Amino acid sequence: MPSYYDEKTKTWYCKFYYTDYTGAKKQKKKRGFKLQREAKEWERTFLERQQGTPDMSFQSLYDIYIEDMSHRLRQSSIDGKRNVFKNRILPYFKDKPVNAITPKDIREWQNQQIDKGYSNAYLDRIQNMMTTIMNYAVIYYNLTSNPCDRAGHMGKRTRSMNFWTLDQYNSFIQYVTDVSTHTALQLLFYSGMRFGELLALTLSDFDFQANTINITKSLQHKSNSDIVGPPKTDNGIRVITMPAAIMQEIREYTDKIYGIQPEDRVFTFTKSLIRGNMQRGSKKAGIPFIRIHDMRHSHVSLLINMGFTPHLIAERIGDTVQMVNNTYGHLYPNKHGEVAERLNQIIVPK
């Protein structure tokens, strides 16, 4: 790895040839290094990323992985990954060759995270990210095996789901006097849409004749800007048929928004307004406080209690049948008893 000194700028630079992913041979030149070793290190890292060998540094693997995933995941998901890797994984592994990471290294790293007192759910999340990136190296960069498999798992995902029953919701909503919040909560409870989907709704998304709402986008709030993108999943693009009474309430609300145009957003507030009203309303109603996202769980719970199938529910909330079964399957036990009773009625006695 030769490097060169520039007498004019009094800095080092590297110049070398490499073969890109198409097989073409190209030259690369990088200037401005204060030290010779910095120039050599930059060249080494660059070649590692191009060649993707299993002896590349973990930092190089991470850079490749994040760049690749940025084309396939939502920005919010990428930001979440970056945060976990930056604070919980890279400080321990960044300089280590990927193929030199052993189950013992993983085990020691796990113990450090456990000793910091993180919740089981967070430990599970960290572990899953480490396992995923090492699987990525196995699949695409010829790593022999994933050391996480032999090290074992840390943490566990706890299935805690909070929701309001219809009676609880009705006792709560009477205390919400803010018109915009009341309308938004009615929409969330009776549609099951995600909060980001609600915030992205424009007037043109509502069909007040057919009583339907078109879900085609979702809004994410980042720093001082709002980013509108596609829904969370491919199934998220859908048309939700709504109760006429809820659509009438929405129409009365939008009619009072001065000068609203078809492409203008209907709900322009932030989570804090909704959360604050939910906290105050639930306290007055004497029911447990739940998160905004739990309104979605409340809607699904209501549909299950009304006897609707996982397939219909999945279509309505913009997800898969598998997700509905995995996430909400524990809400179905009474239905199993009903199946047994119905079967018992058709059995011919001996």
Protein backbone atom coordinates (compact mmCIF):
# COMPACT_ATOMS: atom_id res chain seq x y z
CA MET A 1 0.00 0.00 0.00
CA PRO A 2 2.21 2.84 -1.22
CA SER A 3 1.45 6.40 -0.10
CA TYR A 4 2.97 9.66 -1.29
CA TYR A 5 4.01 12.99 0.15
CA ASP A 6 2.91 16.22 -1.51
CA GLU A 7 5.60 18.89 -1.02
CA LYS A 8 3.23 21.70 -2.00
CA THR A 9 0.52 20.96 0.54
CA LYS A 10 2.77 19.20 3.07
CA THR A 11 0.25 16.37 3.28
CA TRP A 12 0.11 12.69 2.32
CA TYR A 13 -2.07 11.07 -0.31
CA CYS A 14 -2.79 7.59 -1.60
CA LYS A 15 -3.27 6.47 -5.20
CA PHE A 16 -4.08 2.93 -6.20
CA TYR A 17 -6.06 0.70 -8.57
CA TYR A 18 -9.00 -1.50 -7.63
CA THR A 19 -11.64 -3.65 -9.34
CA ASP A 20 -15.24 -2.55 -8.85
CA TYR A 21 -18.35 -4.75 -8.63
CA THR A 22 -18.70 -4.81 -12.45
CA GLY A 23 -15.17 -6.16 -12.89
CA ALA A 24 -13.84 -2.86 -14.26
CA LYS A 25 -10.42 -1.72 -13.12
CA LYS A 26 -10.39 1.83 -11.73
CA GLN A 27 -7.97 4.23 -10.12
CA LYS A 28 -8.64 5.92 -6.78
CA LYS A 29 -6.85 8.94 -5.37
CA LYS A 30 -7.37 10.57 -1.99
CA ARG A 31 -5.47 13.62 -0.71
CA GLY A 32 -5.16 15.63 2.48
CA PHE A 33 -3.82 13.23 5.12
CA LYS A 34 -1.58 14.70 7.79
CA LEU A 35 0.16 11.38 8.46
CA GLN A 36 1.33 8.59 6.17
CA ARG A 37 -0.39 5.95 8.27
CA GLU A 38 -3.72 7.78 7.86
CA ALA A 39 -3.38 7.55 4.08
CA LYS A 40 -2.58 3.83 4.27
CA GLU A 41 -5.45 3.18 6.66
CA TRP A 42 -7.91 4.97 4.35
CA GLU A 43 -6.74 2.86 1.39
CA ARG A 44 -7.02 -0.35 3.40
CA THR A 45 -10.55 0.47 4.56
CA PHE A 46 -11.63 1.44 1.04
CA LEU A 47 -10.38 -1.85 -0.41
CA GLU A 48 -12.04 -3.84 2.35
CA ARG A 49 -15.40 -2.31 1.47
CA GLN A 50 -14.89 -2.97 -2.22
CA GLN A 51 -13.74 -6.54 -1.82
CA GLY A 52 -15.94 -7.49 1.13
CA THR A 53 -13.70 -10.21 2.51
CA PRO A 54 -14.53 -11.83 5.86
CA ASP A 55 -11.34 -10.43 7.38
CA MET A 56 -12.56 -6.85 6.93
CA SER A 57 -13.04 -4.83 10.10
CA PHE A 58 -16.43 -4.88 11.78
CA GLN A 59 -16.64 -1.13 11.11
CA SER A 60 -16.31 -1.80 7.37
CA LEU A 61 -18.98 -4.48 7.52
CA TYR A 62 -21.29 -2.09 9.37
CA ASP A 63 -20.75 0.66 6.77
CA ILE A 64 -21.56 -1.76 3.93
CA TYR A 65 -24.59 -3.17 5.77
CA ILE A 66 -26.12 0.23 6.61
CA GLU A 67 -25.61 1.53 3.09
CA ASP A 68 -27.27 -1.59 1.66
CA MET A 69 -30.19 -1.51 4.10
CA SER A 70 -30.81 2.20 3.47
CA HIS A 71 -32.23 1.19 0.08
CA ARG A 72 -34.63 -1.33 1.64
CA LEU A 73 -35.81 0.08 4.98
CA ARG A 74 -37.60 3.22 6.08
CA GLN A 75 -35.39 6.08 7.28
CA SER A 76 -36.78 5.74 10.81
CA SER A 77 -35.67 2.09 10.88
CA ILE A 78 -32.18 3.02 9.64
CA ASP A 79 -31.93 5.75 12.28
CA GLY A 80 -32.85 3.24 14.95
CA LYS A 81 -30.19 0.81 13.76
CA ARG A 82 -27.54 3.55 13.62
CA ASN A 83 -28.29 4.56 17.19
CA VAL A 84 -28.01 1.03 18.60
CA PHE A 85 -24.84 0.21 16.68
CA LYS A 86 -23.20 3.52 17.60
CA ASN A 87 -23.86 3.19 21.31
CA ARG A 88 -23.99 -0.54 22.02
CA ILE A 89 -22.08 -2.51 19.38
CA LEU A 90 -19.44 -0.52 17.49
CA PRO A 91 -17.52 0.62 20.60
CA TYR A 92 -16.80 -3.06 21.32
CA PHE A 93 -16.27 -4.58 17.87
CA LYS A 94 -15.45 -1.82 15.35
CA ASP A 95 -11.71 -2.53 15.01
CA LYS A 96 -11.93 -6.31 15.17
CA PRO A 97 -11.79 -8.39 11.94
CA VAL A 98 -15.20 -9.94 11.35
CA ASN A 99 -13.84 -13.48 11.05
CA ALA A 100 -11.93 -13.06 14.31
CA ILE A 101 -15.07 -12.45 16.39
CA THR A 102 -15.65 -15.58 18.46
CA PRO A 103 -18.57 -16.86 20.55
CA LYS A 104 -16.49 -15.92 23.58
CA ASP A 105 -16.27 -12.32 22.34
CA ILE A 106 -20.03 -12.25 21.86
CA ARG A 107 -20.57 -13.70 25.32
CA GLU A 108 -18.32 -11.09 26.97
CA TRP A 109 -20.07 -8.31 25.06
CA GLN A 110 -23.45 -9.65 26.15
CA ASN A 111 -22.38 -9.68 29.79
CA GLN A 112 -21.34 -6.04 29.54
CA GLN A 113 -24.76 -5.08 28.20
CA ILE A 114 -26.60 -7.16 30.82
CA ASP A 115 -24.58 -5.55 33.63
CA LYS A 116 -25.77 -2.10 32.51
CA GLY A 117 -29.27 -2.98 33.63
CA TYR A 118 -31.11 -2.64 30.33
CA SER A 119 -34.57 -4.14 30.02
CA ASN A 120 -35.01 -7.62 28.55
CA ALA A 121 -36.78 -6.11 25.54
CA TYR A 122 -33.87 -3.73 24.83
CA LEU A 123 -31.28 -6.47 25.29
CA ASP A 124 -33.27 -8.58 22.84
CA ARG A 125 -33.24 -5.73 20.33
CA ILE A 126 -29.47 -5.23 20.62
CA GLN A 127 -28.86 -8.97 20.26
CA ASN A 128 -31.07 -9.23 17.20
CA MET A 129 -29.14 -6.45 15.46
CA MET A 130 -25.82 -8.14 16.18
CA THR A 131 -27.11 -11.50 14.99
CA THR A 132 -28.55 -9.95 11.84
CA ILE A 133 -25.37 -8.18 10.76
CA MET A 134 -23.28 -11.32 11.34
CA ASN A 135 -25.79 -13.34 9.30
CA TYR A 136 -25.36 -10.69 6.61
CA ALA A 137 -21.61 -11.44 6.63
CA VAL A 138 -22.30 -15.17 6.37
CA ILE A 139 -24.65 -14.76 3.40
CA TYR A 140 -22.80 -12.13 1.39
CA TYR A 141 -19.16 -12.12 2.51
CA ASN A 142 -18.28 -15.78 3.07
CA LEU A 143 -18.06 -15.71 6.84
CA THR A 144 -17.92 -19.39 7.82
CA SER A 145 -20.46 -19.22 10.66
CA ASN A 146 -22.27 -16.77 12.89
CA PRO A 147 -20.64 -16.68 16.37
CA CYS A 148 -23.92 -15.44 17.85
CA ASP A 149 -25.49 -18.85 17.24
CA ARG A 150 -23.10 -20.56 19.63
CA ALA A 151 -22.97 -17.72 22.17
CA GLY A 152 -26.68 -17.91 22.89
CA HIS A 153 -29.25 -15.15 23.16
CA MET A 154 -29.60 -12.36 25.69
CA GLY A 155 -32.82 -10.67 26.65
CA LYS A 156 -36.27 -11.64 25.52
CA ARG A 157 -39.17 -9.91 23.87
CA THR A 158 -41.97 -9.57 26.34
CA ARG A 159 -45.48 -9.78 24.97
CA SER A 160 -47.13 -6.86 26.72
CA MET A 161 -50.10 -5.42 24.93
CA ASN A 162 -52.34 -2.77 26.37
CA PHE A 163 -55.70 -1.85 24.91
CA TRP A 164 -59.04 -0.40 25.86
CA THR A 165 -62.29 -2.30 25.58
CA LEU A 166 -65.22 -0.55 23.92
CA ASP A 167 -66.72 0.28 27.32
CA GLN A 168 -63.42 1.76 28.53
CA TYR A 169 -63.03 3.79 25.37
CA ASN A 170 -66.57 5.15 25.61
CA SER A 171 -66.03 6.15 29.23
CA PHE A 172 -62.79 7.91 28.23
CA ILE A 173 -63.76 9.75 25.03
CA GLN A 174 -66.49 11.79 26.75
CA TYR A 175 -63.77 13.67 28.63
CA VAL A 176 -61.89 14.71 25.48
CA THR A 177 -63.24 18.17 24.67
CA ASP A 178 -60.59 19.36 22.21
CA VAL A 179 -62.26 18.95 18.82
CA SER A 180 -59.17 18.02 16.80
CA THR A 181 -58.05 15.47 19.39
CA HIS A 182 -61.54 14.01 19.71
CA THR A 183 -61.81 13.57 15.94
CA ALA A 184 -58.34 12.01 15.66
CA LEU A 185 -58.98 9.56 18.50
CA GLN A 186 -62.29 8.49 17.00
CA LEU A 187 -60.48 7.84 13.74
CA LEU A 188 -57.69 5.87 15.41
CA PHE A 189 -60.02 3.72 17.50
CA TYR A 190 -62.47 2.89 14.71
CA SER A 191 -59.95 2.45 11.86
CA GLY A 192 -56.87 0.85 13.45
CA MET A 193 -54.57 3.01 11.33
CA ARG A 194 -51.08 3.91 12.53
CA PHE A 195 -50.52 7.38 13.96
CA GLY A 196 -48.09 8.27 11.16
CA GLU A 197 -50.75 7.29 8.62
CA LEU A 198 -53.26 9.55 10.36
CA LEU A 199 -50.88 12.53 10.34
CA ALA A 200 -50.23 12.08 6.61
CA LEU A 201 -53.93 12.17 5.65
CA THR A 202 -54.99 14.94 3.30
CA LEU A 203 -58.53 16.07 2.59
CA SER A 204 -58.51 14.24 -0.76
CA ASP A 205 -57.94 10.93 1.04
CA PHE A 206 -61.49 11.03 2.45
CA ASP A 207 -64.41 9.88 0.32
CA PHE A 208 -67.45 11.11 2.24
CA GLN A 209 -69.85 9.56 -0.25
CA ALA A 210 -68.46 6.02 0.00
CA ASN A 211 -67.37 6.46 3.66
CA THR A 212 -63.83 5.32 2.88
CA ILE A 213 -60.31 6.55 3.58
CA ASN A 214 -57.35 5.98 1.25
CA ILE A 215 -54.13 5.10 3.07
CA THR A 216 -51.17 5.69 0.74
CA LYS A 217 -48.56 7.42 2.90
CA SER A 218 -47.18 7.92 6.40
CA LEU A 219 -45.57 10.88 8.15
CA GLN A 220 -42.48 10.71 10.33
CA HIS A 221 -41.41 13.70 12.42
CA LYS A 222 -37.62 14.17 12.38
CA SER A 223 -35.94 17.07 14.19
CA ASN A 224 -37.57 20.17 12.74
CA SER A 225 -39.03 18.60 9.61
CA ASP A 226 -41.83 16.25 8.64
CA ILE A 227 -41.02 13.46 6.19
CA VAL A 228 -43.89 11.92 4.23
CA GLY A 229 -43.18 8.50 2.77
CA PRO A 230 -44.93 5.21 2.04
CA PRO A 231 -46.72 3.23 4.78
CA LYS A 232 -44.68 0.96 7.03
CA THR A 233 -45.41 -2.21 5.06
CA ASP A 234 -46.26 -3.12 1.49
CA ASN A 235 -49.73 -4.08 2.70
CA GLY A 236 -50.11 -0.63 4.23
CA ILE A 237 -51.53 0.87 1.03
CA ARG A 238 -55.25 0.20 1.41
CA VAL A 239 -58.76 1.59 1.52
CA ILE A 240 -60.51 1.53 4.91
CA THR A 241 -64.30 1.52 5.00
CA MET A 242 -65.46 3.56 7.98
CA PRO A 243 -68.67 3.84 10.04
CA ALA A 244 -70.86 6.62 8.65
CA ALA A 245 -71.03 8.36 12.05
CA ILE A 246 -67.25 8.69 12.23
CA MET A 247 -67.03 10.01 8.68
CA GLN A 248 -69.71 12.56 9.52
CA GLU A 249 -67.68 13.73 12.51
CA ILE A 250 -64.58 14.05 10.31
CA ARG A 251 -66.53 16.03 7.71
CA GLU A 252 -67.85 18.44 10.33
CA TYR A 253 -64.29 18.92 11.56
CA THR A 254 -62.75 19.51 8.11
CA ASP A 255 -65.56 21.91 7.16
CA LYS A 256 -64.38 24.18 9.97
CA ILE A 257 -60.74 24.28 8.75
CA TYR A 258 -60.52 27.63 6.98
CA GLY A 259 -59.25 27.49 3.40
CA ILE A 260 -58.27 23.80 3.47
CA GLN A 261 -57.35 22.46 0.03
CA PRO A 262 -57.62 18.83 -1.22
CA GLU A 263 -53.88 18.19 -0.78
CA ASP A 264 -53.60 19.88 2.63
CA ARG A 265 -53.04 17.73 5.70
CA VAL A 266 -56.06 17.40 7.96
CA PHE A 267 -54.22 16.77 11.25
CA THR A 268 -51.17 18.98 11.82
CA PHE A 269 -50.54 18.47 15.54
CA THR A 270 -47.85 16.35 17.23
CA LYS A 271 -48.05 13.34 19.52
CA SER A 272 -47.83 15.50 22.64
CA LEU A 273 -51.33 16.94 22.12
CA ILE A 274 -52.91 13.50 21.76
CA ARG A 275 -50.86 11.96 24.57
CA GLY A 276 -51.73 14.76 26.97
CA ASN A 277 -55.45 14.44 26.28
CA MET A 278 -55.25 10.66 26.67
CA GLN A 279 -53.52 11.01 30.03
CA ARG A 280 -56.07 13.50 31.37
CA GLY A 281 -59.08 11.66 29.92
CA SER A 282 -58.05 8.23 31.19
CA LYS A 283 -57.46 9.66 34.68
CA LYS A 284 -60.93 11.21 34.76
CA ALA A 285 -62.49 7.99 33.44
CA GLY A 286 -60.61 5.91 36.00
CA ILE A 287 -59.07 3.58 33.42
CA PRO A 288 -55.40 2.70 32.77
CA PHE A 289 -53.48 5.05 30.48
CA ILE A 290 -52.33 3.47 27.19
CA ARG A 291 -49.98 4.63 24.43
CA ILE A 292 -51.22 6.17 21.18
CA HIS A 293 -50.14 3.02 19.30
CA ASP A 294 -52.29 0.98 21.69
CA MET A 295 -55.34 2.53 20.02
CA ARG A 296 -54.45 0.27 17.08
CA HIS A 297 -54.36 -2.72 19.42
CA SER A 298 -57.72 -1.61 20.83
CA HIS A 299 -59.24 -1.61 17.36
CA VAL A 300 -57.94 -5.10 16.58
CA SER A 301 -59.12 -6.38 19.96
CA LEU A 302 -62.57 -4.97 19.23
CA LEU A 303 -62.72 -6.70 15.83
CA ILE A 304 -61.60 -10.02 17.32
CA ASN A 305 -64.28 -9.73 20.00
CA MET A 306 -66.83 -9.08 17.25
CA GLY A 307 -65.80 -12.33 15.57
CA PHE A 308 -63.96 -11.09 12.47
CA THR A 309 -61.30 -13.28 10.87
CA PRO A 310 -57.53 -12.62 10.94
CA HIS A 311 -57.59 -12.28 7.15
CA LEU A 312 -60.12 -9.44 7.21
CA ILE A 313 -58.38 -7.76 10.14
CA ALA A 314 -55.01 -7.93 8.35
CA GLU A 315 -56.49 -6.25 5.27
CA ARG A 316 -58.05 -3.52 7.37
CA ILE A 317 -54.96 -2.60 9.39
CA GLY A 318 -52.52 -3.04 6.51
CA ASP A 319 -50.51 -6.01 7.72
CA THR A 320 -50.20 -9.74 7.14
CA VAL A 321 -52.32 -12.58 8.48
CA GLN A 322 -49.18 -14.04 10.06
CA MET A 323 -48.56 -10.80 11.94
CA VAL A 324 -52.14 -10.73 13.17
CA ASN A 325 -51.88 -14.32 14.39
CA ASN A 326 -48.46 -13.80 15.99
CA THR A 327 -49.36 -10.51 17.67
CA TYR A 328 -52.99 -11.00 18.58
CA GLY A 329 -53.40 -14.78 18.67
CA HIS A 330 -53.58 -14.77 22.46
CA LEU A 331 -56.79 -12.74 22.24
CA TYR A 332 -58.57 -15.63 20.55
CA PRO A 333 -58.77 -18.26 23.36
CA ASN A 334 -62.53 -17.81 23.88
CA LYS A 335 -63.06 -18.50 20.18
CA HIS A 336 -61.36 -21.88 20.61
CA GLY A 337 -63.89 -22.73 23.32
CA GLU A 338 -66.68 -21.69 20.99
CA VAL A 339 -65.28 -24.00 18.27
CA ALA A 340 -65.23 -26.94 20.71
CA GLU A 341 -68.81 -26.23 21.80
CA ARG A 342 -70.09 -25.99 18.23
CA LEU A 343 -68.34 -29.26 17.34
CA ASN A 344 -69.83 -30.91 20.41
CA GLN A 345 -73.30 -30.03 19.18
CA ILE A 346 -72.87 -31.94 15.92
CA ILE A 347 -71.41 -35.12 17.40
CA VAL A 348 -73.85 -38.00 17.07
CA PRO A 349 -74.18 -39.85 20.41
CA LYS A 350 -73.29 -43.56 20.46
